[in-house]
């Protein structure tokens, strides 16, 4: 297969993508473990936009269920603080509602 012509080279983006894909491909920790660790770090640092991306990925790939995401909220709130926990709770509930709307249900 011939690679498409790139009009603008994003060498930083390509390098970062390669490094992160290598990091996520390591087999010592499971994908679920990595996702949980990353969620804790992002919430703890207040990086809400990235946490939202990771929450979405965790739910849609079924690495974490709705109930498990809600349990993450309970657990992380006690360590990251109530304001960050409240924000995480809102993100989780909005995501669950959005995914339910996207699901056409049984055929």
PDB file of N, CA and C in Angstrom:
ATOM      1  N   UNK A   1       0.845  -1.182   0.000  1.00  0.00           N
ATOM      2  CA  UNK A   1       0.000   0.000   0.000  1.00  0.00           C
ATOM      3  C   UNK A   1       0.884   1.236   0.000  1.00  0.00           C
ATOM      4  N   UNK A   2       0.549   2.168  -0.831  1.00  0.00           N
ATOM      5  CA  UNK A   2       1.307   3.397  -0.945  1.00  0.00           C
ATOM      6  C   UNK A   2       0.807   4.396   0.091  1.00  0.00           C
ATOM      7  N   UNK A   3       1.727   4.990   0.829  1.00  0.00           N
ATOM      8  CA  UNK A   3       1.378   5.990   1.844  1.00  0.00           C
ATOM      9  C   UNK A   3       0.886   7.265   1.165  1.00  0.00           C
ATOM     10  N   UNK A   4      -0.118   7.935   1.753  1.00  0.00           N
ATOM     11  CA  UNK A   4      -0.591   9.194   1.164  1.00  0.00           C
ATOM     12  C   UNK A   4       0.461  10.286   1.306  1.00  0.00           C
ATOM     13  N   UNK A   5       0.439  11.204   0.376  1.00  0.00           N
ATOM     14  CA  UNK A   5       1.361  12.329   0.416  1.00  0.00           C
ATOM     15  C   UNK A   5       0.962  13.249   1.565  1.00  0.00           C
ATOM     16  N   UNK A   6       1.932  13.627   2.366  1.00  0.00           N
ATOM     17  CA  UNK A   6       1.690  14.532   3.484  1.00  0.00           C
ATOM     18  C   UNK A   6       2.060  15.939   3.042  1.00  0.00           C
ATOM     19  N   UNK A   7       1.100  16.848   3.141  1.00  0.00           N
ATOM     20  CA  UNK A   7       1.352  18.219   2.731  1.00  0.00           C
ATOM     21  C   UNK A   7       2.186  18.965   3.761  1.00  0.00           C
ATOM     22  N   UNK A   8       1.899  18.742   5.023  1.00  0.00           N
ATOM     23  CA  UNK A   8       2.647  19.375   6.108  1.00  0.00           C
ATOM     24  C   UNK A   8       3.118  18.274   7.044  1.00  0.00           C
ATOM     25  N   UNK A   9       4.405  18.279   7.326  1.00  0.00           N
ATOM     26  CA  UNK A   9       4.961  17.248   8.197  1.00  0.00           C
ATOM     27  C   UNK A   9       4.867  17.710   9.649  1.00  0.00           C
ATOM     28  N   UNK A  10       4.175  16.915  10.446  1.00  0.00           N
ATOM     29  CA  UNK A  10       4.061  17.176  11.877  1.00  0.00           C
ATOM     30  C   UNK A  10       4.986  16.189  12.587  1.00  0.00           C
ATOM     31  N   UNK A  11       6.278  16.487  12.554  1.00  0.00           N
ATOM     32  CA  UNK A  11       7.247  15.538  13.102  1.00  0.00           C
ATOM     33  C   UNK A  11       7.046  15.341  14.602  1.00  0.00           C
ATOM     34  N   UNK A  12       6.667  16.398  15.331  1.00  0.00           N
ATOM     35  CA  UNK A  12       6.413  16.239  16.764  1.00  0.00           C
ATOM     36  C   UNK A  12       5.233  15.304  16.990  1.00  0.00           C
ATOM     37  N   UNK A  13       4.148  15.530  16.252  1.00  0.00           N
ATOM     38  CA  UNK A  13       2.960  14.694  16.390  1.00  0.00           C
ATOM     39  C   UNK A  13       3.245  13.249  16.037  1.00  0.00           C
ATOM     40  N   UNK A  14       3.999  13.029  14.985  1.00  0.00           N
ATOM     41  CA  UNK A  14       4.333  11.667  14.582  1.00  0.00           C
ATOM     42  C   UNK A  14       5.213  10.985  15.630  1.00  0.00           C
ATOM     43  N   UNK A  15       6.154  11.724  16.172  1.00  0.00           N
ATOM     44  CA  UNK A  15       7.040  11.174  17.202  1.00  0.00           C
ATOM     45  C   UNK A  15       6.255  10.850  18.466  1.00  0.00           C
ATOM     46  N   UNK A  16       5.399  11.777  18.893  1.00  0.00           N
ATOM     47  CA  UNK A  16       4.596  11.562  20.095  1.00  0.00           C
ATOM     48  C   UNK A  16       3.668  10.371  19.915  1.00  0.00           C
ATOM     49  N   UNK A  17       3.032  10.277  18.749  1.00  0.00           N
ATOM     50  CA  UNK A  17       2.132   9.157  18.485  1.00  0.00           C
ATOM     51  C   UNK A  17       2.886   7.836  18.563  1.00  0.00           C
ATOM     52  N   UNK A  18       4.057   7.795  18.002  1.00  0.00           N
ATOM     53  CA  UNK A  18       4.864   6.564  18.022  1.00  0.00           C
ATOM     54  C   UNK A  18       5.273   6.205  19.451  1.00  0.00           C
ATOM     55  N   UNK A  19       5.715   7.197  20.209  1.00  0.00           N
ATOM     56  CA  UNK A  19       6.142   6.931  21.579  1.00  0.00           C
ATOM     57  C   UNK A  19       4.976   6.460  22.438  1.00  0.00           C
ATOM     58  N   UNK A  20       3.825   7.091  22.315  1.00  0.00           N
ATOM     59  CA  UNK A  20       2.671   6.683  23.110  1.00  0.00           C
ATOM     60  C   UNK A  20       2.159   5.314  22.685  1.00  0.00           C
ATOM     61  N   UNK A  21       2.168   5.027  21.393  1.00  0.00           N
ATOM     62  CA  UNK A  21       1.699   3.699  20.964  1.00  0.00           C
ATOM     63  C   UNK A  21       2.636   2.621  21.483  1.00  0.00           C
ATOM     64  N   UNK A  22       3.936   2.876  21.494  1.00  0.00           N
ATOM     65  CA  UNK A  22       4.885   1.913  22.066  1.00  0.00           C
ATOM     66  C   UNK A  22       4.642   1.739  23.555  1.00  0.00           C
ATOM     67  N   UNK A  23       4.376   2.830  24.244  1.00  0.00           N
ATOM     68  CA  UNK A  23       4.137   2.779  25.679  1.00  0.00           C
ATOM     69  C   UNK A  23       2.888   1.963  26.005  1.00  0.00           C
ATOM     70  N   UNK A  24       1.817   2.185  25.242  1.00  0.00           N
ATOM     71  CA  UNK A  24       0.554   1.475  25.487  1.00  0.00           C
ATOM     72  C   UNK A  24       0.633   0.015  25.043  1.00  0.00           C
ATOM     73  N   UNK A  25       1.580  -0.332  24.198  1.00  0.00           N
ATOM     74  CA  UNK A  25       1.699  -1.703  23.699  1.00  0.00           C
ATOM     75  C   UNK A  25       2.500  -2.611  24.638  1.00  0.00           C
ATOM     76  N   UNK A  26       3.153  -2.051  25.619  1.00  0.00           N
ATOM     77  CA  UNK A  26       3.917  -2.875  26.556  1.00  0.00           C
ATOM     78  C   UNK A  26       2.967  -3.831  27.269  1.00  0.00           C
ATOM     79  N   UNK A  27       3.463  -5.000  27.667  1.00  0.00           N
ATOM     80  CA  UNK A  27       2.564  -6.029  28.183  1.00  0.00           C
ATOM     81  C   UNK A  27       2.654  -6.297  29.684  1.00  0.00           C
ATOM     82  N   UNK A  28       3.377  -5.498  30.425  1.00  0.00           N
ATOM     83  CA  UNK A  28       3.483  -5.729  31.872  1.00  0.00           C
ATOM     84  C   UNK A  28       2.199  -5.326  32.590  1.00  0.00           C
ATOM     85  N   UNK A  29       1.612  -4.209  32.194  1.00  0.00           N
ATOM     86  CA  UNK A  29       0.318  -3.771  32.723  1.00  0.00           C
ATOM     87  C   UNK A  29      -0.744  -3.971  31.648  1.00  0.00           C
ATOM     88  N   UNK A  30      -1.938  -4.293  32.074  1.00  0.00           N
ATOM     89  CA  UNK A  30      -3.035  -4.431  31.113  1.00  0.00           C
ATOM     90  C   UNK A  30      -3.481  -3.043  30.641  1.00  0.00           C
ATOM     91  N   UNK A  31      -4.233  -3.024  29.554  1.00  0.00           N
ATOM     92  CA  UNK A  31      -4.791  -1.756  29.060  1.00  0.00           C
ATOM     93  C   UNK A  31      -5.691  -1.142  30.126  1.00  0.00           C
ATOM     94  N   UNK A  32      -6.439  -1.982  30.826  1.00  0.00           N
ATOM     95  CA  UNK A  32      -7.331  -1.505  31.883  1.00  0.00           C
ATOM     96  C   UNK A  32      -6.533  -0.860  33.000  1.00  0.00           C
ATOM     97  N   UNK A  33      -5.440  -1.502  33.420  1.00  0.00           N
ATOM     98  CA  UNK A  33      -4.573  -0.930  34.454  1.00  0.00           C
ATOM     99  C   UNK A  33      -4.036   0.433  34.021  1.00  0.00           C
ATOM    100  N   UNK A  34      -3.566   0.503  32.776  1.00  0.00           N
ATOM    101  CA  UNK A  34      -3.011   1.766  32.265  1.00  0.00           C
ATOM    102  C   UNK A  34      -4.081   2.863  32.244  1.00  0.00           C
ATOM    103  N   UNK A  35      -5.280   2.488  31.807  1.00  0.00           N
ATOM    104  CA  UNK A  35      -6.370   3.471  31.725  1.00  0.00           C
ATOM    105  C   UNK A  35      -6.720   3.988  33.119  1.00  0.00           C
ATOM    106  N   UNK A  36      -6.784   3.110  34.109  1.00  0.00           N
ATOM    107  CA  UNK A  36      -7.087   3.526  35.484  1.00  0.00           C
ATOM    108  C   UNK A  36      -6.002   4.442  36.046  1.00  0.00           C
ATOM    109  N   UNK A  37      -4.755   4.071  35.822  1.00  0.00           N
ATOM    110  CA  UNK A  37      -3.652   4.917  36.299  1.00  0.00           C
ATOM    111  C   UNK A  37      -3.710   6.301  35.658  1.00  0.00           C
ATOM    112  N   UNK A  38      -3.919   6.315  34.358  1.00  0.00           N
ATOM    113  CA  UNK A  38      -3.961   7.582  33.642  1.00  0.00           C
ATOM    114  C   UNK A  38      -5.137   8.441  34.104  1.00  0.00           C
ATOM    115  N   UNK A  39      -6.296   7.825  34.305  1.00  0.00           N
ATOM    116  CA  UNK A  39      -7.448   8.576  34.804  1.00  0.00           C
ATOM    117  C   UNK A  39      -7.153   9.208  36.156  1.00  0.00           C
ATOM    118  N   UNK A  40      -6.540   8.444  37.063  1.00  0.00           N
ATOM    119  CA  UNK A  40      -6.190   8.986  38.369  1.00  0.00           C
ATOM    120  C   UNK A  40      -5.244  10.159  38.273  1.00  0.00           C
ATOM    121  N   UNK A  41      -4.246  10.044  37.417  1.00  0.00           N
ATOM    122  CA  UNK A  41      -3.291  11.143  37.240  1.00  0.00           C
ATOM    123  C   UNK A  41      -3.956  12.383  36.657  1.00  0.00           C
ATOM    124  N   UNK A  42      -4.773  12.184  35.633  1.00  0.00           N
ATOM    125  CA  UNK A  42      -5.422  13.325  34.980  1.00  0.00           C
ATOM    126  C   UNK A  42      -6.388  14.037  35.914  1.00  0.00           C
ATOM    127  N   UNK A  43      -7.188  13.270  36.641  1.00  0.00           N
ATOM    128  CA  UNK A  43      -8.138  13.880  37.576  1.00  0.00           C
ATOM    129  C   UNK A  43      -7.374  14.579  38.696  1.00  0.00           C
ATOM    130  N   UNK A  44      -6.352  13.927  39.215  1.00  0.00           N
ATOM    131  CA  UNK A  44      -5.561  14.514  40.293  1.00  0.00           C
ATOM    132  C   UNK A  44      -4.909  15.833  39.907  1.00  0.00           C
ATOM    133  N   UNK A  45      -4.553  15.957  38.634  1.00  0.00           N
ATOM    134  CA  UNK A  45      -3.930  17.181  38.151  1.00  0.00           C
ATOM    135  C   UNK A  45      -4.946  18.181  37.597  1.00  0.00           C
ATOM    136  N   UNK A  46      -6.202  17.790  37.563  1.00  0.00           N
ATOM    137  CA  UNK A  46      -7.236  18.693  37.062  1.00  0.00           C
ATOM    138  C   UNK A  46      -7.218  18.872  35.558  1.00  0.00           C
ATOM    139  N   UNK A  47      -6.751  17.863  34.826  1.00  0.00           N
ATOM    140  CA  UNK A  47      -6.695  17.940  33.363  1.00  0.00           C
ATOM    141  C   UNK A  47      -7.986  17.319  32.819  1.00  0.00           C
ATOM    142  N   UNK A  48      -9.058  18.079  32.927  1.00  0.00           N
ATOM    143  CA  UNK A  48     -10.406  17.578  32.647  1.00  0.00           C
ATOM    144  C   UNK A  48     -10.627  17.161  31.203  1.00  0.00           C
ATOM    145  N   UNK A  49     -10.080  17.918  30.244  1.00  0.00           N
ATOM    146  CA  UNK A  49     -10.338  17.591  28.843  1.00  0.00           C
ATOM    147  C   UNK A  49      -9.724  16.247  28.466  1.00  0.00           C
ATOM    148  N   UNK A  50      -8.546  15.965  28.969  1.00  0.00           N
ATOM    149  CA  UNK A  50      -7.919  14.676  28.688  1.00  0.00           C
ATOM    150  C   UNK A  50      -8.595  13.547  29.471  1.00  0.00           C
ATOM    151  N   UNK A  51      -9.048  13.846  30.681  1.00  0.00           N
ATOM    152  CA  UNK A  51      -9.777  12.841  31.465  1.00  0.00           C
ATOM    153  C   UNK A  51     -11.036  12.425  30.720  1.00  0.00           C
ATOM    154  N   UNK A  52     -11.712  13.393  30.125  1.00  0.00           N
ATOM    155  CA  UNK A  52     -12.935  13.089  29.381  1.00  0.00           C
ATOM    156  C   UNK A  52     -12.660  12.144  28.216  1.00  0.00           C
ATOM    157  N   UNK A  53     -11.557  12.351  27.518  1.00  0.00           N
ATOM    158  CA  UNK A  53     -11.173  11.474  26.408  1.00  0.00           C
ATOM    159  C   UNK A  53     -10.911  10.059  26.917  1.00  0.00           C
ATOM    160  N   UNK A  54     -10.218   9.954  28.038  1.00  0.00           N
ATOM    161  CA  UNK A  54      -9.885   8.646  28.593  1.00  0.00           C
ATOM    162  C   UNK A  54     -11.121   7.931  29.140  1.00  0.00           C
ATOM    163  N   UNK A  55     -12.029   8.672  29.746  1.00  0.00           N
ATOM    164  CA  UNK A  55     -13.287   8.084  30.220  1.00  0.00           C
ATOM    165  C   UNK A  55     -14.065   7.495  29.053  1.00  0.00           C
ATOM    166  N   UNK A  56     -14.170   8.266  27.986  1.00  0.00           N
ATOM    167  CA  UNK A  56     -14.891   7.829  26.795  1.00  0.00           C
ATOM    168  C   UNK A  56     -14.264   6.555  26.232  1.00  0.00           C
ATOM    169  N   UNK A  57     -12.958   6.551  26.123  1.00  0.00           N
ATOM    170  CA  UNK A  57     -12.260   5.374  25.594  1.00  0.00           C
ATOM    171  C   UNK A  57     -12.480   4.161  26.496  1.00  0.00           C
ATOM    172  N   UNK A  58     -12.422   4.356  27.797  1.00  0.00           N
ATOM    173  CA  UNK A  58     -12.603   3.251  28.742  1.00  0.00           C
ATOM    174  C   UNK A  58     -13.992   2.638  28.627  1.00  0.00           C
ATOM    175  N   UNK A  59     -15.011   3.470  28.493  1.00  0.00           N
ATOM    176  CA  UNK A  59     -16.380   2.970  28.419  1.00  0.00           C
ATOM    177  C   UNK A  59     -16.677   2.335  27.065  1.00  0.00           C
ATOM    178  N   UNK A  60     -16.298   3.011  25.992  1.00  0.00           N
ATOM    179  CA  UNK A  60     -16.640   2.520  24.656  1.00  0.00           C
ATOM    180  C   UNK A  60     -15.867   1.258  24.277  1.00  0.00           C
ATOM    181  N   UNK A  61     -14.678   1.072  24.836  1.00  0.00           N
ATOM    182  CA  UNK A  61     -13.912  -0.155  24.568  1.00  0.00           C
ATOM    183  C   UNK A  61     -14.238  -1.249  25.574  1.00  0.00           C
ATOM    184  N   UNK A  62     -15.116  -0.924  26.507  1.00  0.00           N
ATOM    185  CA  UNK A  62     -15.576  -1.859  27.543  1.00  0.00           C
ATOM    186  C   UNK A  62     -14.460  -2.286  28.496  1.00  0.00           C
ATOM    187  N   UNK A  63     -13.416  -1.450  28.605  1.00  0.00           N
ATOM    188  CA  UNK A  63     -12.395  -1.702  29.620  1.00  0.00           C
ATOM    189  C   UNK A  63     -12.969  -1.447  31.008  1.00  0.00           C
ATOM    190  N   UNK A  64     -13.891  -0.486  31.087  1.00  0.00           N
ATOM    191  CA  UNK A  64     -14.572  -0.176  32.343  1.00  0.00           C
ATOM    192  C   UNK A  64     -16.067  -0.056  32.059  1.00  0.00           C
ATOM    193  N   UNK A  65     -16.860  -0.612  32.947  1.00  0.00           N
ATOM    194  CA  UNK A  65     -18.320  -0.533  32.816  1.00  0.00           C
ATOM    195  C   UNK A  65     -18.818   0.774  33.437  1.00  0.00           C
ATOM    196  N   UNK A  66     -20.094   1.045  33.266  1.00  0.00           N
ATOM    197  CA  UNK A  66     -20.696   2.226  33.896  1.00  0.00           C
ATOM    198  C   UNK A  66     -20.510   2.164  35.409  1.00  0.00           C
ATOM    199  N   UNK A  67     -20.792   1.017  35.994  1.00  0.00           N
ATOM    200  CA  UNK A  67     -20.646   0.863  37.440  1.00  0.00           C
ATOM    201  C   UNK A  67     -19.212   1.057  37.901  1.00  0.00           C
ATOM    202  N   UNK A  68     -18.270   0.553  37.125  1.00  0.00           N
ATOM    203  CA  UNK A  68     -16.853   0.726  37.485  1.00  0.00           C
ATOM    204  C   UNK A  68     -16.426   2.181  37.373  1.00  0.00           C
ATOM    205  N   UNK A  69     -16.921   2.887  36.360  1.00  0.00           N
ATOM    206  CA  UNK A  69     -16.604   4.319  36.247  1.00  0.00           C
ATOM    207  C   UNK A  69     -17.160   5.082  37.444  1.00  0.00           C
ATOM    208  N   UNK A  70     -18.342   4.729  37.861  1.00  0.00           N
ATOM    209  CA  UNK A  70     -18.930   5.391  39.034  1.00  0.00           C
ATOM    210  C   UNK A  70     -18.122   5.077  40.290  1.00  0.00           C
ATOM    211  N   UNK A  71     -17.596   3.877  40.389  1.00  0.00           N
ATOM    212  CA  UNK A  71     -16.754   3.517  41.533  1.00  0.00           C
ATOM    213  C   UNK A  71     -15.423   4.271  41.496  1.00  0.00           C
ATOM    214  N   UNK A  72     -14.910   4.507  40.300  1.00  0.00           N
ATOM    215  CA  UNK A  72     -13.699   5.330  40.157  1.00  0.00           C
ATOM    216  C   UNK A  72     -13.974   6.716  40.724  1.00  0.00           C
ATOM    217  N   UNK A  73     -15.153   7.263  40.424  1.00  0.00           N
ATOM    218  CA  UNK A  73     -15.528   8.582  40.958  1.00  0.00           C
ATOM    219  C   UNK A  73     -15.472   8.571  42.483  1.00  0.00           C
ATOM    220  N   UNK A  74     -16.091   7.569  43.096  1.00  0.00           N
ATOM    221  CA  UNK A  74     -16.125   7.480  44.556  1.00  0.00           C
ATOM    222  C   UNK A  74     -14.704   7.413  45.114  1.00  0.00           C
ATOM    223  N   UNK A  75     -13.893   6.546  44.537  1.00  0.00           N
ATOM    224  CA  UNK A  75     -12.543   6.339  45.047  1.00  0.00           C
ATOM    225  C   UNK A  75     -11.657   7.577  44.862  1.00  0.00           C
ATOM    226  N   UNK A  76     -11.640   8.092  43.636  1.00  0.00           N
ATOM    227  CA  UNK A  76     -10.763   9.224  43.314  1.00  0.00           C
ATOM    228  C   UNK A  76     -11.169  10.474  44.080  1.00  0.00           C
ATOM    229  N   UNK A  77     -12.458  10.665  44.306  1.00  0.00           N
ATOM    230  CA  UNK A  77     -12.928  11.844  45.038  1.00  0.00           C
ATOM    231  C   UNK A  77     -12.272  11.946  46.412  1.00  0.00           C
ATOM    232  N   UNK A  78     -12.092  10.836  47.069  1.00  0.00           N
ATOM    233  CA  UNK A  78     -11.504  10.851  48.407  1.00  0.00           C
ATOM    234  C   UNK A  78     -10.023  11.221  48.403  1.00  0.00           C
ATOM    235  N   UNK A  79      -9.357  11.055  47.276  1.00  0.00           N
ATOM    236  CA  UNK A  79      -7.938  11.381  47.195  1.00  0.00           C
ATOM    237  C   UNK A  79      -7.664  12.677  46.439  1.00  0.00           C
ATOM    238  N   UNK A  80      -8.480  12.986  45.436  1.00  0.00           N
ATOM    239  CA  UNK A  80      -8.245  14.177  44.620  1.00  0.00           C
ATOM    240  C   UNK A  80      -9.003  15.391  45.131  1.00  0.00           C
ATOM    241  N   UNK A  81      -9.971  15.165  46.009  1.00  0.00           N
ATOM    242  CA  UNK A  81     -10.741  16.275  46.555  1.00  0.00           C
ATOM    243  C   UNK A  81     -12.140  16.313  45.991  1.00  0.00           C
ATOM    244  N   UNK A  82     -13.007  16.948  46.757  1.00  0.00           N
ATOM    245  CA  UNK A  82     -14.428  16.958  46.417  1.00  0.00           C
ATOM    246  C   UNK A  82     -14.729  17.752  45.157  1.00  0.00           C
ATOM    247  N   UNK A  83     -14.037  18.853  44.918  1.00  0.00           N
ATOM    248  CA  UNK A  83     -14.344  19.632  43.713  1.00  0.00           C
ATOM    249  C   UNK A  83     -13.942  18.871  42.453  1.00  0.00           C
ATOM    250  N   UNK A  84     -12.783  18.221  42.479  1.00  0.00           N
ATOM    251  CA  UNK A  84     -12.378  17.423  41.320  1.00  0.00           C
ATOM    252  C   UNK A  84     -13.266  16.192  41.183  1.00  0.00           C
ATOM    253  N   UNK A  85     -13.663  15.621  42.293  1.00  0.00           N
ATOM    254  CA  UNK A  85     -14.565  14.474  42.259  1.00  0.00           C
ATOM    255  C   UNK A  85     -15.920  14.837  41.686  1.00  0.00           C
ATOM    256  N   UNK A  86     -16.413  16.012  42.040  1.00  0.00           N
ATOM    257  CA  UNK A  86     -17.701  16.469  41.507  1.00  0.00           C
ATOM    258  C   UNK A  86     -17.612  16.669  39.999  1.00  0.00           C
ATOM    259  N   UNK A  87     -16.502  17.226  39.547  1.00  0.00           N
ATOM    260  CA  UNK A  87     -16.311  17.425  38.102  1.00  0.00           C
ATOM    261  C   UNK A  87     -16.238  16.072  37.396  1.00  0.00           C
ATOM    262  N   UNK A  88     -15.494  15.128  37.976  1.00  0.00           N
ATOM    263  CA  UNK A  88     -15.388  13.793  37.397  1.00  0.00           C
ATOM    264  C   UNK A  88     -16.749  13.116  37.354  1.00  0.00           C
ATOM    265  N   UNK A  89     -17.523  13.258  38.413  1.00  0.00           N
ATOM    266  CA  UNK A  89     -18.864  12.672  38.445  1.00  0.00           C
ATOM    267  C   UNK A  89     -19.729  13.228  37.313  1.00  0.00           C
ATOM    268  N   UNK A  90     -19.665  14.528  37.108  1.00  0.00           N
ATOM    269  CA  UNK A  90     -20.435  15.133  36.021  1.00  0.00           C
ATOM    270  C   UNK A  90     -19.980  14.589  34.668  1.00  0.00           C
ATOM    271  N   UNK A  91     -18.681  14.455  34.482  1.00  0.00           N
ATOM    272  CA  UNK A  91     -18.156  13.924  33.219  1.00  0.00           C
ATOM    273  C   UNK A  91     -18.640  12.494  32.996  1.00  0.00           C
ATOM    274  N   UNK A  92     -18.576  11.670  34.028  1.00  0.00           N
ATOM    275  CA  UNK A  92     -18.984  10.269  33.908  1.00  0.00           C
ATOM    276  C   UNK A  92     -20.477  10.177  33.591  1.00  0.00           C
ATOM    277  N   UNK A  93     -21.302  10.928  34.310  1.00  0.00           N
ATOM    278  CA  UNK A  93     -22.750  10.844  34.070  1.00  0.00           C
ATOM    279  C   UNK A  93     -23.121  11.382  32.695  1.00  0.00           C
ATOM    280  N   UNK A  94     -22.474  12.448  32.250  1.00  0.00           N
ATOM    281  CA  UNK A  94     -22.729  12.980  30.907  1.00  0.00           C
ATOM    282  C   UNK A  94     -22.314  11.969  29.845  1.00  0.00           C
ATOM    283  N   UNK A  95     -21.182  11.310  30.057  1.00  0.00           N
ATOM    284  CA  UNK A  95     -20.709  10.294  29.112  1.00  0.00           C
ATOM    285  C   UNK A  95     -21.672   9.117  29.046  1.00  0.00           C
ATOM    286  N   UNK A  96     -22.097   8.623  30.182  1.00  0.00           N
ATOM    287  CA  UNK A  96     -23.027   7.488  30.218  1.00  0.00           C
ATOM    288  C   UNK A  96     -24.318   7.847  29.477  1.00  0.00           C
ATOM    289  N   UNK A  97     -24.831   9.036  29.692  1.00  0.00           N
ATOM    290  CA  UNK A  97     -26.047   9.479  28.994  1.00  0.00           C
ATOM    291  C   UNK A  97     -25.803   9.590  27.488  1.00  0.00           C
ATOM    292  N   UNK A  98     -24.669  10.130  27.103  1.00  0.00           N
ATOM    293  CA  UNK A  98     -24.348  10.305  25.693  1.00  0.00           C
ATOM    294  C   UNK A  98     -24.207   8.941  24.985  1.00  0.00           C
ATOM    295  N   UNK A  99     -23.531   8.004  25.632  1.00  0.00           N
ATOM    296  CA  UNK A  99     -23.358   6.673  25.057  1.00  0.00           C
ATOM    297  C   UNK A  99     -24.708   5.966  24.941  1.00  0.00           C
ATOM    298  N   UNK A 100     -25.574   6.130  25.938  1.00  0.00           N
ATOM    299  CA  UNK A 100     -26.907   5.527  25.882  1.00  0.00           C
ATOM    300  C   UNK A 100     -27.708   6.083  24.716  1.00  0.00           C
ATOM    301  N   UNK A 101     -27.574   7.381  24.449  1.00  0.00           N
ATOM    302  CA  UNK A 101     -28.267   7.997  23.315  1.00  0.00           C
ATOM    303  C   UNK A 101     -27.745   7.469  21.987  1.00  0.00           C
ATOM    304  N   UNK A 102     -26.425   7.195  21.916  1.00  0.00           N
ATOM    305  CA  UNK A 102     -25.792   6.713  20.686  1.00  0.00           C
ATOM    306  C   UNK A 102     -26.111   5.253  20.391  1.00  0.00           C
ATOM    307  N   UNK A 103     -26.484   4.491  21.428  1.00  0.00           N
ATOM    308  CA  UNK A 103     -26.735   3.059  21.289  1.00  0.00           C
ATOM    309  C   UNK A 103     -28.133   2.830  20.730  1.00  0.00           C
ATOM    310  N   UNK A 104     -28.212   2.198  19.553  1.00  0.00           N
ATOM    311  CA  UNK A 104     -29.540   1.971  18.973  1.00  0.00           C
ATOM    312  C   UNK A 104     -30.323   0.870  19.673  1.00  0.00           C
ATOM    313  N   UNK A 105     -29.685   0.145  20.581  1.00  0.00           N
ATOM    314  CA  UNK A 105     -30.375  -0.927  21.308  1.00  0.00           C
ATOM    315  C   UNK A 105     -30.408  -2.202  20.491  1.00  0.00           C
ATOM    316  N   UNK A 106     -31.105  -3.216  21.020  1.00  0.00           N
ATOM    317  CA  UNK A 106     -31.161  -4.500  20.306  1.00  0.00           C
ATOM    318  C   UNK A 106     -31.920  -4.376  18.998  1.00  0.00           C
ATOM    319  N   UNK A 107     -31.408  -5.097  18.007  1.00  0.00           N
ATOM    320  CA  UNK A 107     -32.042  -5.022  16.668  1.00  0.00           C
ATOM    321  C   UNK A 107     -33.201  -5.977  16.550  1.00  0.00           C
TER     322      UNK A 107
END
